[in-house]
Amino acid sequence: MSSMEERDGVAAPGSSSAGMGVGAVGAAVEAVAGVAAMQEEVGIRREGPEPDPDEPPKKRVRVPEGESGKLEERLYSVLCCTVCLDLPKASVYQCTNGHLMCAGCFIHLLADSRLKEEQATCPNCRCEISKNLCCRNLAVEKAVSELPTECTFCIKQFPRSSLERHQKEECQDRVTQCKYKRIGCPWQGPFHELPAHESECCHPTKTGTELMGILGEMDQSHRRDMQLYNSIFGLLCYEKIGFTDKLVALLHPEVQFRPYRTDDFITRLYYETPRFTVLNQTWVLKARVNDSERNPNLSCKRTLSFQLILKSKVNSALECSFLLLKGPYDDVRIKPVIHHHSFCNDANETEYVPLPISDSVECNKLLAAKNINLRLFIFQVQK
């Protein structure tokens, strides 16, 4: 019976060949079911919002649509300055633990520590910070420059790296002035309205008398600007001229404007140079912060004023003109102002005069440095 079944190609249920046949069919069915299950699982994974927890970590999870805005917001919070909580506009500094600070806040922290006579620390981790310990983070600077931001005129978004060029040259809503401003037109408006205004502007049709009055005011302003430069060129023609690098002369370390403290209950920061020789006379420069305000560290406005002192004894009055300029190693912006004083044994000190820097940011740059590097010119007036 068994031989006949085998000849007919039908295996007995208890035979080994029957076991093999059933096992193969079962394996095939399981394989098909497994493939179907995998396809179904992949379909669910592609369509469903949540990733499979068993998915290998190297696979990139697909970001659902509409999440890009949230990603930008997260980048803003990650790349912002830890002090002002705003995105840096220029250089980005980091402490030794990687916390980010924009250039303005970093310099302000160093200046505050100088005023308080304390070691500057990171506001997040309290580690020490200084120009030597902190470095710039170029990767963050480049990342921030590519983040989108709104144009203040047209409210469209552009990468930060191209925003300045757009607002100055390309934006049709940027504020501009009439080309006849030089003859008194006060119009200001969006750039796309400029052609229409200039075609209707009444200033080109003004009479010569009206134009002469406008040009006279412009000439007066120009003469005031030129007077300073003409005065400097005139002083350079004097027979006796002396200059020195001070307030921090890196070329001459013995001539430095060094920080000191008063003996008051609340000490105040002031600066003083060692004695230096100019025009065969011995001089000293002193400087003070916010005109010796009681607590200048509590004020956002920072100023420096200086005083020139003649230490030598003179037989007759020494009439001099003097001015301070930017030193060779500083990037501070100073608008030169010429001062005059007649030095004698009874009047050997000038009044404190403001250091002509543009704003508190420039002042903080000077205060953040260990010493201040400026250049002094003294001109002796010959009678």
Protein backbone atom coordinates (compact mmCIF):
# COMPACT_ATOMS: atom_id res chain seq x y z
CA MET A 1 0.00 0.00 0.00
CA SER A 2 2.74 2.31 0.84
CA SER A 3 4.58 1.47 -2.37
CA MET A 4 1.46 2.26 -4.44
CA GLU A 5 0.98 5.60 -2.69
CA GLU A 6 4.56 6.47 -3.31
CA ARG A 7 4.21 5.55 -7.03
CA ASP A 8 1.11 7.73 -7.31
CA GLY A 9 3.06 10.66 -5.81
CA VAL A 10 0.98 10.80 -2.67
CA ALA A 11 2.87 10.48 0.58
CA ALA A 12 1.41 8.93 3.63
CA PRO A 13 0.62 11.28 6.44
CA GLY A 14 3.03 9.61 8.77
CA SER A 15 5.94 9.46 6.31
CA SER A 16 8.97 11.70 6.44
CA SER A 17 8.35 13.17 2.99
CA ALA A 18 4.90 14.30 4.10
CA GLY A 19 6.48 16.07 7.03
CA MET A 20 8.86 17.87 4.71
CA GLY A 21 6.05 18.98 2.40
CA VAL A 22 3.92 20.38 5.19
CA GLY A 23 6.93 22.15 6.71
CA ALA A 24 7.85 23.82 3.38
CA VAL A 25 4.30 25.03 2.82
CA GLY A 26 4.14 26.34 6.37
CA ALA A 27 7.43 28.19 5.98
CA ALA A 28 6.25 29.73 2.73
CA VAL A 29 3.00 30.86 4.31
CA GLU A 30 4.87 32.35 7.23
CA ALA A 31 7.30 34.12 4.87
CA VAL A 32 4.44 35.64 2.88
CA ALA A 33 2.70 36.68 6.07
CA GLY A 34 5.93 38.18 7.34
CA VAL A 35 6.45 40.17 4.14
CA ALA A 36 2.89 41.42 4.30
CA ALA A 37 3.33 42.39 7.90
CA MET A 38 6.58 44.21 7.08
CA GLN A 39 4.93 46.06 4.20
CA GLU A 40 2.01 47.00 6.43
CA GLU A 41 4.41 48.14 9.16
CA VAL A 42 6.44 50.21 6.68
CA GLY A 43 3.26 51.76 5.35
CA ILE A 44 2.17 52.67 8.85
CA ARG A 45 5.62 54.07 9.59
CA ARG A 46 5.56 56.23 6.48
CA GLU A 47 2.05 57.49 7.00
CA GLY A 48 1.92 57.72 10.77
CA PRO A 49 3.30 60.77 12.61
CA GLU A 50 5.24 58.78 15.21
CA PRO A 51 8.45 56.83 14.42
CA ASP A 52 8.82 53.17 15.28
CA PRO A 53 10.60 52.81 18.67
CA ASP A 54 12.51 49.79 17.27
CA GLU A 55 13.81 51.80 14.31
CA PRO A 56 17.64 51.88 14.11
CA PRO A 57 19.08 55.17 15.47
CA LYS A 58 20.92 55.96 12.24
CA LYS A 59 17.73 56.37 10.24
CA ARG A 60 16.64 59.98 9.82
CA VAL A 61 13.11 60.60 11.02
CA ARG A 62 11.00 62.40 8.49
CA VAL A 63 10.02 65.85 9.75
CA PRO A 64 6.30 66.49 9.26
CA GLU A 65 5.25 69.48 7.21
CA GLY A 66 4.76 72.68 9.16
CA GLU A 67 7.55 71.95 11.62
CA SER A 68 10.17 74.16 9.90
CA GLY A 69 8.99 77.27 11.71
CA LYS A 70 9.32 75.54 15.05
CA LEU A 71 12.82 74.40 14.08
CA GLU A 72 13.84 78.01 13.38
CA GLU A 73 12.46 79.05 16.75
CA ARG A 74 14.49 76.34 18.44
CA LEU A 75 17.61 77.52 16.60
CA TYR A 76 16.95 81.07 17.75
CA SER A 77 16.84 79.90 21.37
CA VAL A 78 20.00 77.80 20.95
CA LEU A 79 22.12 80.40 19.15
CA CYS A 80 21.04 83.52 21.06
CA CYS A 81 23.30 85.48 23.41
CA THR A 82 23.06 84.29 27.01
CA VAL A 83 23.04 87.89 28.27
CA CYS A 84 20.64 89.87 26.05
CA LEU A 85 18.82 86.76 24.70
CA ASP A 86 19.01 88.16 21.18
CA LEU A 87 20.73 86.76 18.12
CA PRO A 88 24.25 88.19 17.73
CA LYS A 89 24.67 90.72 14.93
CA ALA A 90 28.44 90.50 14.62
CA SER A 91 31.10 88.52 16.47
CA VAL A 92 30.10 85.69 18.81
CA TYR A 93 32.27 84.79 21.81
CA GLN A 94 32.05 81.70 23.98
CA CYS A 95 33.27 80.88 27.46
CA THR A 96 35.34 77.79 28.20
CA ASN A 97 32.11 75.81 28.66
CA GLY A 98 30.66 76.92 25.33
CA HIS A 99 28.06 79.51 26.42
CA LEU A 100 27.58 82.17 23.75
CA MET A 101 27.80 85.95 24.13
CA CYS A 102 27.46 88.65 21.50
CA ALA A 103 30.35 91.10 21.16
CA GLY A 104 28.48 93.98 22.84
CA CYS A 105 27.50 91.99 25.92
CA PHE A 106 30.93 90.38 26.19
CA ILE A 107 32.67 93.77 26.22
CA HIS A 108 30.05 95.12 28.65
CA LEU A 109 30.71 92.27 31.10
CA LEU A 110 34.45 92.95 30.99
CA ALA A 111 33.87 96.69 31.51
CA ASP A 112 31.54 96.03 34.47
CA SER A 113 34.10 93.77 36.10
CA ARG A 114 36.70 96.52 35.73
CA LEU A 115 34.40 99.03 37.42
CA LYS A 116 33.50 96.63 40.24
CA GLU A 117 37.09 95.39 40.68
CA GLU A 118 35.93 91.82 40.21
CA GLN A 119 36.79 88.95 37.92
CA ALA A 120 34.41 88.80 34.96
CA THR A 121 32.38 85.57 34.86
CA CYS A 122 30.01 83.87 32.46
CA PRO A 123 26.39 84.62 33.47
CA ASN A 124 25.45 80.95 32.95
CA CYS A 125 28.19 78.83 34.50
CA ARG A 126 30.18 81.49 36.42
CA CYS A 127 33.48 80.43 34.91
CA GLU A 128 36.07 83.17 34.42
CA ILE A 129 35.97 85.07 31.13
CA SER A 130 38.49 87.40 29.56
CA LYS A 131 39.83 88.22 26.13
CA ASN A 132 42.47 85.54 26.61
CA LEU A 133 40.15 82.83 27.92
CA CYS A 134 37.28 83.34 25.48
CA CYS A 135 37.37 82.80 21.74
CA ARG A 136 35.09 83.49 18.83
CA ASN A 137 32.72 80.78 17.59
CA LEU A 138 32.88 81.07 13.80
CA ALA A 139 30.45 78.20 13.21
CA VAL A 140 27.73 79.99 15.20
CA GLU A 141 28.47 83.26 13.42
CA LYS A 142 27.96 81.57 10.04
CA ALA A 143 24.84 79.76 11.21
CA VAL A 144 23.29 82.98 12.53
CA SER A 145 24.09 84.77 9.27
CA GLU A 146 21.96 82.22 7.38
CA LEU A 147 18.92 82.42 9.65
CA PRO A 148 15.98 84.37 8.17
CA THR A 149 14.98 87.74 9.51
CA GLU A 150 12.45 90.36 8.48
CA CYS A 151 13.29 93.48 6.55
CA THR A 152 12.22 96.49 8.61
CA PHE A 153 10.70 98.14 5.53
CA CYS A 154 8.96 95.48 3.42
CA ILE A 155 8.52 92.83 6.19
CA LYS A 156 9.82 90.10 3.86
CA GLN A 157 12.28 87.54 5.17
CA PHE A 158 15.91 87.32 4.03
CA PRO A 159 19.06 85.64 5.34
CA ARG A 160 20.83 87.88 7.81
CA SER A 161 23.95 87.86 5.65
CA SER A 162 22.11 89.57 2.76
CA LEU A 163 19.70 91.74 4.76
CA GLU A 164 21.94 94.81 4.96
CA ARG A 165 22.48 94.91 1.18
CA HIS A 166 18.76 94.41 0.60
CA GLN A 167 17.78 97.26 2.94
CA LYS A 168 20.35 99.65 1.49
CA GLU A 169 20.12 98.90 -2.23
CA GLU A 170 17.26 96.61 -3.22
CA CYS A 171 14.21 97.13 -1.02
CA GLN A 172 11.52 99.13 -2.78
CA ASP A 173 10.09 100.27 0.56
CA ARG A 174 13.34 101.56 2.07
CA VAL A 175 13.30 105.15 3.28
CA THR A 176 15.05 107.51 0.90
CA GLN A 177 15.43 111.24 0.35
CA CYS A 178 14.82 113.50 -2.57
CA LYS A 179 17.83 114.23 -4.78
CA TYR A 180 17.04 117.93 -4.29
CA LYS A 181 17.76 117.68 -0.57
CA ARG A 182 20.92 119.74 -1.13
CA ILE A 183 18.77 122.69 -2.06
CA GLY A 184 16.35 122.27 0.83
CA CYS A 185 13.80 119.57 -0.05
CA PRO A 186 12.78 117.85 3.22
CA TRP A 187 10.89 114.93 1.60
CA GLN A 188 11.48 111.41 2.91
CA GLY A 189 9.56 108.36 1.81
CA PRO A 190 9.65 104.85 0.35
CA PHE A 191 11.93 104.32 -2.62
CA HIS A 192 9.13 103.30 -5.01
CA GLU A 193 7.51 106.74 -4.52
CA LEU A 194 10.72 108.64 -5.25
CA PRO A 195 10.30 109.03 -9.06
CA ALA A 196 6.78 110.39 -8.65
CA HIS A 197 7.92 112.89 -6.00
CA GLU A 198 10.95 114.10 -7.94
CA SER A 199 8.81 114.71 -11.02
CA GLU A 200 6.56 116.98 -8.93
CA CYS A 201 9.17 118.48 -6.54
CA CYS A 202 8.96 122.27 -6.43
CA HIS A 203 12.54 122.91 -5.28
CA PRO A 204 14.13 122.90 -8.77
CA THR A 205 11.90 125.86 -9.63
CA LYS A 206 12.93 127.98 -6.62
CA THR A 207 14.37 131.41 -7.27
CA GLY A 208 18.06 132.17 -6.97
CA THR A 209 17.46 134.21 -3.81
CA GLU A 210 15.78 131.27 -2.07
CA LEU A 211 18.55 128.91 -3.12
CA MET A 212 21.26 131.27 -1.88
CA GLY A 213 19.78 131.23 1.61
CA ILE A 214 19.71 127.41 1.68
CA LEU A 215 23.27 127.16 0.34
CA GLY A 216 24.46 129.68 2.92
CA GLU A 217 23.30 127.43 5.78
CA MET A 218 25.04 124.46 4.17
CA ASP A 219 28.27 126.41 3.77
CA GLN A 220 28.21 127.44 7.43
CA SER A 221 27.93 123.81 8.54
CA HIS A 222 30.73 122.82 6.18
CA ARG A 223 32.98 125.61 7.50
CA ARG A 224 32.56 124.33 11.05
CA ASP A 225 33.70 120.88 9.98
CA MET A 226 36.66 122.22 8.06
CA GLN A 227 37.76 124.54 10.85
CA LEU A 228 38.89 121.60 12.99
CA TYR A 229 41.00 120.07 10.22
CA ASN A 230 42.47 123.42 9.24
CA SER A 231 43.39 123.99 12.89
CA ILE A 232 45.17 120.62 13.04
CA PHE A 233 47.11 121.35 9.86
CA GLY A 234 48.02 124.75 11.28
CA LEU A 235 49.28 123.17 14.49
CA LEU A 236 51.44 120.78 12.52
CA CYS A 237 53.33 123.80 11.19
CA TYR A 238 54.48 124.82 14.68
CA GLU A 239 58.16 124.77 15.50
CA LYS A 240 57.83 122.63 18.65
CA ILE A 241 55.58 119.60 18.53
CA GLY A 242 55.57 116.69 20.94
CA PHE A 243 53.59 113.50 20.93
CA THR A 244 53.54 110.30 22.90
CA ASP A 245 51.67 107.00 22.89
CA LYS A 246 49.93 106.71 26.19
CA LEU A 247 47.03 105.56 28.04
CA VAL A 248 48.56 102.25 27.11
CA ALA A 249 51.46 102.52 24.89
CA LEU A 250 52.30 99.06 23.77
CA LEU A 251 55.32 100.43 21.94
CA HIS A 252 56.59 101.96 25.18
CA PRO A 253 55.45 99.84 28.12
CA GLU A 254 56.76 102.40 30.58
CA VAL A 255 54.09 104.86 29.37
CA GLN A 256 50.73 103.30 30.22
CA PHE A 257 47.41 104.65 31.36
CA ARG A 258 46.89 102.21 34.22
CA PRO A 259 43.74 101.66 36.29
CA TYR A 260 43.73 102.61 39.98
CA ARG A 261 41.20 102.85 42.80
CA THR A 262 40.27 105.69 45.09
CA ASP A 263 40.45 105.33 48.86
CA ASP A 264 36.74 106.03 49.36
CA PHE A 265 34.36 103.65 51.11
CA ILE A 266 32.98 102.81 47.65
CA THR A 267 36.11 102.73 45.54
CA ARG A 268 35.96 104.32 42.10
CA LEU A 269 38.01 103.49 39.08
CA TYR A 270 40.38 106.07 37.63
CA TYR A 271 43.37 105.98 35.31
CA GLU A 272 46.77 107.61 35.48
CA THR A 273 49.91 107.41 33.39
CA PRO A 274 53.45 107.29 34.68
CA ARG A 275 55.34 110.51 34.06
CA PHE A 276 56.47 111.08 30.49
CA THR A 277 58.54 113.77 28.82
CA VAL A 278 57.30 115.92 25.93
CA LEU A 279 58.75 119.31 24.85
CA ASN A 280 61.44 118.87 27.52
CA GLN A 281 58.76 118.98 30.20
CA THR A 282 57.38 116.26 32.47
CA TRP A 283 53.68 115.48 32.18
CA VAL A 284 51.01 113.16 33.57
CA LEU A 285 47.58 112.27 32.23
CA LYS A 286 44.64 111.30 34.44
CA ALA A 287 41.24 109.99 33.43
CA ARG A 288 38.03 109.16 35.27
CA VAL A 289 34.79 107.31 34.50
CA ASN A 290 31.47 109.16 34.35
CA ASP A 291 33.13 112.16 36.03
CA SER A 292 33.61 110.15 39.25
CA GLU A 293 29.95 109.16 39.53
CA ARG A 294 29.36 107.30 42.79
CA ASN A 295 28.39 103.99 41.18
CA PRO A 296 29.17 104.12 37.43
CA ASN A 297 28.62 100.36 37.15
CA LEU A 298 24.88 100.96 37.73
CA SER A 299 24.66 103.29 34.75
CA CYS A 300 24.25 102.14 31.15
CA LYS A 301 25.80 105.38 29.94
CA ARG A 302 29.60 105.36 30.14
CA THR A 303 31.95 108.30 29.54
CA LEU A 304 35.63 109.02 30.06
CA SER A 305 37.13 112.41 30.77
CA PHE A 306 40.81 113.27 31.01
CA GLN A 307 43.12 115.89 32.48
CA LEU A 308 46.64 116.94 31.45
CA ILE A 309 49.01 117.88 34.28
CA LEU A 310 52.37 119.61 34.01
CA LYS A 311 54.74 118.25 36.66
CA SER A 312 57.79 120.37 35.79
CA LYS A 313 58.43 123.82 37.21
CA VAL A 314 58.52 126.54 34.54
CA ASN A 315 59.95 130.04 34.62
CA SER A 316 57.24 131.49 32.40
CA ALA A 317 53.82 130.51 31.17
CA LEU A 318 53.77 127.62 28.73
CA GLU A 319 50.88 128.07 26.32
CA CYS A 320 49.96 124.79 24.65
CA SER A 321 47.35 123.17 22.45
CA PHE A 322 46.76 119.43 22.82
CA LEU A 323 44.52 116.68 21.49
CA LEU A 324 44.07 112.93 21.83
CA LEU A 325 43.82 110.54 18.88
CA LYS A 326 43.26 106.82 18.48
CA GLY A 327 46.31 104.72 19.27
CA PRO A 328 47.93 102.34 16.77
CA TYR A 329 46.48 99.18 18.37
CA ASP A 330 42.91 100.22 19.26
CA ASP A 331 39.79 100.21 17.09
CA VAL A 332 37.95 102.82 19.18
CA ARG A 333 36.47 105.72 17.22
CA ILE A 334 37.52 109.16 18.44
CA LYS A 335 36.54 112.49 16.92
CA PRO A 336 39.49 114.79 17.64
CA VAL A 337 38.94 117.98 19.61
CA ILE A 338 41.67 120.59 20.16
CA HIS A 339 42.07 121.99 23.69
CA HIS A 340 44.11 124.99 24.82
CA HIS A 341 45.68 125.81 28.17
CA SER A 342 48.33 128.14 29.52
CA PHE A 343 50.44 126.17 32.00
CA CYS A 344 52.29 127.84 34.84
CA ASN A 345 53.33 126.91 38.36
CA ASP A 346 49.99 128.10 39.78
CA ALA A 347 47.85 126.59 37.00
CA ASN A 348 49.57 123.36 36.06
CA GLU A 349 46.39 121.30 35.57
CA THR A 350 43.72 121.52 32.93
CA GLU A 351 40.05 120.99 33.66
CA TYR A 352 38.69 117.50 33.05
CA VAL A 353 37.52 117.43 29.44
CA PRO A 354 35.45 114.66 27.80
CA LEU A 355 37.25 112.09 25.73
CA PRO A 356 35.52 112.56 22.34
CA ILE A 357 34.24 109.03 21.78
CA SER A 358 30.96 108.40 19.99
CA ASP A 359 28.96 106.39 22.54
CA SER A 360 29.00 104.09 25.56
CA VAL A 361 29.88 101.07 23.41
CA GLU A 362 33.21 102.68 22.49
CA CYS A 363 33.78 103.58 26.13
CA ASN A 364 33.19 99.96 27.18
CA LYS A 365 35.82 98.86 24.68
CA LEU A 366 38.36 101.02 26.47
CA LEU A 367 37.25 99.96 29.95
CA ALA A 368 37.37 96.27 29.02
CA ALA A 369 41.07 96.50 28.13
CA LYS A 370 43.78 96.14 30.74
CA ASN A 371 45.21 99.46 29.58
CA ILE A 372 44.06 102.16 27.17
CA ASN A 373 46.04 102.94 24.06
CA LEU A 374 45.67 106.49 22.74
CA ARG A 375 48.06 109.06 21.29
CA LEU A 376 48.62 112.54 22.73
CA PHE A 377 49.83 115.52 20.71
CA ILE A 378 51.05 118.69 22.46
CA PHE A 379 51.79 121.85 20.49
CA GLN A 380 53.64 124.76 22.09
CA VAL A 381 52.24 128.10 20.99
CA GLN A 382 55.03 130.56 20.21
CA LYS A 383 54.31 134.13 21.19
